[in-house]
N, C-alpha and C. Protein backbone atom coordinates (compact mmCIF):
# COMPACT_ATOMS: atom_id res chain seq x y z
N MET A 1 55.64 115.37 164.45
CA MET A 1 54.61 115.38 163.45
C MET A 1 54.20 116.81 163.07
N LYS A 2 54.33 117.75 164.01
CA LYS A 2 53.98 119.14 163.71
C LYS A 2 54.86 119.70 162.60
N LYS A 3 56.14 119.30 162.61
CA LYS A 3 57.06 119.80 161.59
C LYS A 3 56.62 119.38 160.20
N PHE A 4 56.17 118.14 160.07
CA PHE A 4 55.71 117.67 158.76
C PHE A 4 54.45 118.42 158.33
N ARG A 5 53.56 118.65 159.29
CA ARG A 5 52.34 119.39 158.97
C ARG A 5 52.67 120.80 158.51
N HIS A 6 53.61 121.47 159.20
CA HIS A 6 54.02 122.81 158.80
C HIS A 6 54.68 122.79 157.42
N ALA A 7 55.50 121.77 157.16
CA ALA A 7 56.17 121.67 155.87
C ALA A 7 55.14 121.49 154.75
N PHE A 8 54.18 120.61 154.95
CA PHE A 8 53.17 120.40 153.91
C PHE A 8 52.25 121.60 153.76
N ASN A 9 51.97 122.29 154.86
CA ASN A 9 51.18 123.52 154.75
C ASN A 9 51.93 124.58 153.94
N GLY A 10 53.24 124.66 154.14
CA GLY A 10 54.05 125.60 153.37
C GLY A 10 54.08 125.25 151.90
N MET A 11 54.17 123.97 151.59
CA MET A 11 54.16 123.54 150.19
C MET A 11 52.80 123.84 149.57
N TYR A 12 51.74 123.58 150.29
CA TYR A 12 50.39 123.86 149.81
C TYR A 12 50.22 125.36 149.54
N TYR A 13 50.69 126.18 150.47
CA TYR A 13 50.62 127.63 150.31
C TYR A 13 51.39 128.08 149.07
N ALA A 14 52.59 127.52 148.89
CA ALA A 14 53.41 127.90 147.75
C ALA A 14 52.74 127.54 146.43
N VAL A 15 52.13 126.37 146.37
CA VAL A 15 51.44 125.96 145.14
C VAL A 15 50.26 126.88 144.85
N LEU A 16 49.55 127.29 145.88
CA LEU A 16 48.38 128.16 145.68
C LEU A 16 48.77 129.58 145.29
N HIS A 17 49.88 130.10 145.84
CA HIS A 17 50.17 131.51 145.70
C HIS A 17 51.36 131.84 144.80
N GLU A 18 52.10 130.86 144.35
CA GLU A 18 53.26 131.13 143.51
C GLU A 18 53.08 130.49 142.14
N SER A 19 53.05 131.32 141.11
CA SER A 19 52.85 130.78 139.76
C SER A 19 54.04 129.92 139.32
N SER A 20 55.23 130.23 139.81
CA SER A 20 56.39 129.42 139.42
C SER A 20 56.30 128.00 139.97
N MET A 21 55.68 127.84 141.13
CA MET A 21 55.50 126.49 141.68
C MET A 21 54.53 125.70 140.82
N ARG A 22 53.48 126.35 140.34
CA ARG A 22 52.55 125.66 139.46
C ARG A 22 53.23 125.28 138.14
N THR A 23 54.08 126.17 137.65
CA THR A 23 54.82 125.87 136.42
C THR A 23 55.75 124.70 136.62
N HIS A 24 56.46 124.67 137.75
CA HIS A 24 57.35 123.55 138.05
C HIS A 24 56.55 122.25 138.17
N GLY A 25 55.39 122.33 138.79
CA GLY A 25 54.54 121.13 138.90
C GLY A 25 54.10 120.62 137.54
N LEU A 26 53.74 121.54 136.66
CA LEU A 26 53.35 121.14 135.31
C LEU A 26 54.51 120.48 134.57
N MET A 27 55.70 121.09 134.68
CA MET A 27 56.87 120.53 134.01
C MET A 27 57.28 119.18 134.60
N MET A 28 57.07 119.01 135.90
CA MET A 28 57.34 117.70 136.50
C MET A 28 56.38 116.66 135.96
N GLY A 29 55.13 117.04 135.78
CA GLY A 29 54.16 116.13 135.19
C GLY A 29 54.57 115.73 133.77
N VAL A 30 55.05 116.69 133.00
CA VAL A 30 55.53 116.40 131.64
C VAL A 30 56.72 115.45 131.70
N ALA A 31 57.64 115.69 132.64
CA ALA A 31 58.82 114.82 132.77
C ALA A 31 58.42 113.40 133.19
N ILE A 32 57.42 113.28 134.05
CA ILE A 32 56.97 111.95 134.47
C ILE A 32 56.34 111.21 133.29
N ILE A 33 55.50 111.90 132.54
CA ILE A 33 54.89 111.28 131.35
C ILE A 33 55.98 110.87 130.36
N ALA A 34 56.97 111.74 130.16
CA ALA A 34 58.07 111.40 129.25
C ALA A 34 58.86 110.21 129.78
N GLY A 35 59.01 110.11 131.09
CA GLY A 35 59.70 108.96 131.68
C GLY A 35 59.00 107.65 131.39
N PHE A 36 57.67 107.66 131.47
CA PHE A 36 56.91 106.46 131.11
C PHE A 36 57.00 106.17 129.62
N TYR A 37 56.93 107.22 128.82
CA TYR A 37 56.98 107.05 127.37
C TYR A 37 58.32 106.45 126.92
N PHE A 38 59.41 106.98 127.48
CA PHE A 38 60.75 106.52 127.09
C PHE A 38 61.23 105.33 127.91
N GLU A 39 60.41 104.85 128.84
CA GLU A 39 60.72 103.68 129.66
C GLU A 39 62.10 103.80 130.32
N ILE A 40 62.24 104.85 131.13
CA ILE A 40 63.53 105.06 131.78
C ILE A 40 63.76 104.01 132.87
N THR A 41 65.01 103.83 133.23
CA THR A 41 65.40 102.80 134.19
C THR A 41 65.05 103.23 135.62
N PRO A 42 65.01 102.29 136.56
CA PRO A 42 64.76 102.67 137.96
C PRO A 42 65.77 103.69 138.49
N ALA A 43 67.02 103.56 138.10
CA ALA A 43 68.03 104.53 138.54
C ALA A 43 67.71 105.93 138.01
N GLN A 44 67.22 105.99 136.79
CA GLN A 44 66.85 107.29 136.22
C GLN A 44 65.61 107.87 136.91
N TRP A 45 64.69 107.00 137.35
CA TRP A 45 63.54 107.48 138.11
C TRP A 45 63.99 108.09 139.44
N VAL A 46 64.92 107.41 140.09
CA VAL A 46 65.43 107.93 141.36
C VAL A 46 66.10 109.28 141.14
N LEU A 47 66.93 109.37 140.11
CA LEU A 47 67.58 110.64 139.80
C LEU A 47 66.55 111.72 139.50
N GLN A 48 65.53 111.37 138.75
CA GLN A 48 64.48 112.33 138.43
C GLN A 48 63.78 112.82 139.69
N LEU A 49 63.47 111.93 140.61
CA LEU A 49 62.82 112.32 141.86
C LEU A 49 63.71 113.20 142.72
N VAL A 50 65.00 112.88 142.76
CA VAL A 50 65.95 113.71 143.52
C VAL A 50 66.01 115.12 142.91
N LEU A 51 66.06 115.19 141.60
CA LEU A 51 66.10 116.49 140.95
C LEU A 51 64.81 117.28 141.16
N PHE A 52 63.67 116.58 141.15
CA PHE A 52 62.41 117.25 141.46
C PHE A 52 62.46 117.88 142.85
N ALA A 53 62.95 117.11 143.81
CA ALA A 53 63.03 117.60 145.19
C ALA A 53 63.95 118.81 145.29
N LEU A 54 65.07 118.77 144.59
CA LEU A 54 66.00 119.91 144.60
C LEU A 54 65.37 121.15 143.99
N VAL A 55 64.71 120.99 142.88
CA VAL A 55 64.08 122.15 142.22
C VAL A 55 63.03 122.77 143.12
N ILE A 56 62.16 121.94 143.69
CA ILE A 56 61.10 122.47 144.56
C ILE A 56 61.71 123.10 145.82
N GLY A 57 62.71 122.44 146.39
CA GLY A 57 63.35 122.99 147.58
C GLY A 57 63.99 124.34 147.33
N PHE A 58 64.75 124.45 146.26
CA PHE A 58 65.40 125.73 145.96
C PHE A 58 64.38 126.80 145.55
N GLU A 59 63.32 126.40 144.90
CA GLU A 59 62.28 127.37 144.55
C GLU A 59 61.61 127.91 145.81
N MET A 60 61.40 127.05 146.79
CA MET A 60 60.79 127.52 148.04
C MET A 60 61.74 128.42 148.82
N ILE A 61 63.02 128.11 148.80
CA ILE A 61 64.01 129.00 149.43
C ILE A 61 64.02 130.34 148.73
N ASN A 62 64.01 130.32 147.40
CA ASN A 62 63.99 131.55 146.63
C ASN A 62 62.75 132.38 146.95
N THR A 63 61.61 131.73 147.07
CA THR A 63 60.36 132.42 147.38
C THR A 63 60.43 133.04 148.77
N ARG A 64 61.01 132.31 149.71
CA ARG A 64 61.14 132.83 151.08
C ARG A 64 61.95 134.11 151.10
N TYR A 65 63.11 134.09 150.43
CA TYR A 65 63.95 135.28 150.42
C TYR A 65 63.32 136.41 149.63
N HIS A 66 62.64 136.10 148.57
CA HIS A 66 61.95 137.12 147.80
C HIS A 66 60.90 137.82 148.66
N GLU A 67 60.12 137.05 149.40
CA GLU A 67 59.11 137.64 150.28
C GLU A 67 59.75 138.47 151.40
N ALA A 68 60.84 137.95 151.97
CA ALA A 68 61.51 138.67 153.06
C ALA A 68 62.06 140.01 152.57
N PHE A 69 62.69 140.01 151.40
CA PHE A 69 63.25 141.26 150.88
C PHE A 69 62.16 142.22 150.43
N SER A 70 61.03 141.70 149.98
CA SER A 70 59.90 142.57 149.63
C SER A 70 59.39 143.29 150.87
N ILE A 71 59.26 142.57 151.97
CA ILE A 71 58.81 143.18 153.23
C ILE A 71 59.85 144.19 153.71
N TYR A 72 61.12 143.81 153.62
CA TYR A 72 62.21 144.69 154.06
C TYR A 72 62.22 145.99 153.26
N SER A 73 62.09 145.89 151.94
CA SER A 73 62.12 147.10 151.12
C SER A 73 60.86 147.93 151.34
N LEU A 74 59.73 147.29 151.60
CA LEU A 74 58.50 148.02 151.89
C LEU A 74 58.67 148.85 153.16
N CYS A 75 59.34 148.29 154.17
CA CYS A 75 59.58 149.04 155.41
C CYS A 75 60.42 150.27 155.14
N PHE A 76 61.43 150.14 154.29
CA PHE A 76 62.27 151.29 153.97
C PHE A 76 61.48 152.34 153.20
N ARG A 77 60.62 151.94 152.29
CA ARG A 77 59.84 152.90 151.53
C ARG A 77 58.86 153.63 152.44
N GLN A 78 58.31 152.94 153.43
CA GLN A 78 57.36 153.58 154.34
C GLN A 78 58.07 154.56 155.27
N GLU A 79 59.34 154.30 155.57
CA GLU A 79 60.10 155.18 156.46
C GLU A 79 60.69 156.38 155.71
N GLY A 80 60.57 156.39 154.39
CA GLY A 80 61.08 157.52 153.62
C GLY A 80 62.50 157.34 153.12
N PHE A 81 63.10 156.17 153.31
CA PHE A 81 64.43 155.92 152.79
C PHE A 81 64.35 155.70 151.29
N THR A 82 65.31 156.23 150.56
CA THR A 82 65.34 156.02 149.11
C THR A 82 66.71 155.52 148.71
N ASN A 83 66.76 154.95 147.56
CA ASN A 83 68.03 154.48 147.01
C ASN A 83 68.68 155.64 146.27
N SER A 84 69.82 156.08 146.71
CA SER A 84 70.44 157.28 146.13
C SER A 84 71.53 156.93 145.13
N LEU A 85 71.45 155.77 144.52
CA LEU A 85 72.47 155.40 143.52
C LEU A 85 72.19 156.08 142.26
């Protein structure tokens, strides 16, 4: 149960601190409303939910790596390393 709590805490944190997560949430809401409007089939609802999960999952992975590389580059800047390209 701790794993689920940590997962939901991470999702909550991402929604609060990442504007792209809020944008994805808004677009998902639009897609859900459009699904009701166009009366999509149950199979299409399942596909839509799977795609929502993939988008949110990959966005969270992207955010994780973005944060990690930001910290990594900050450490190099503090140590005086520069990019000599």
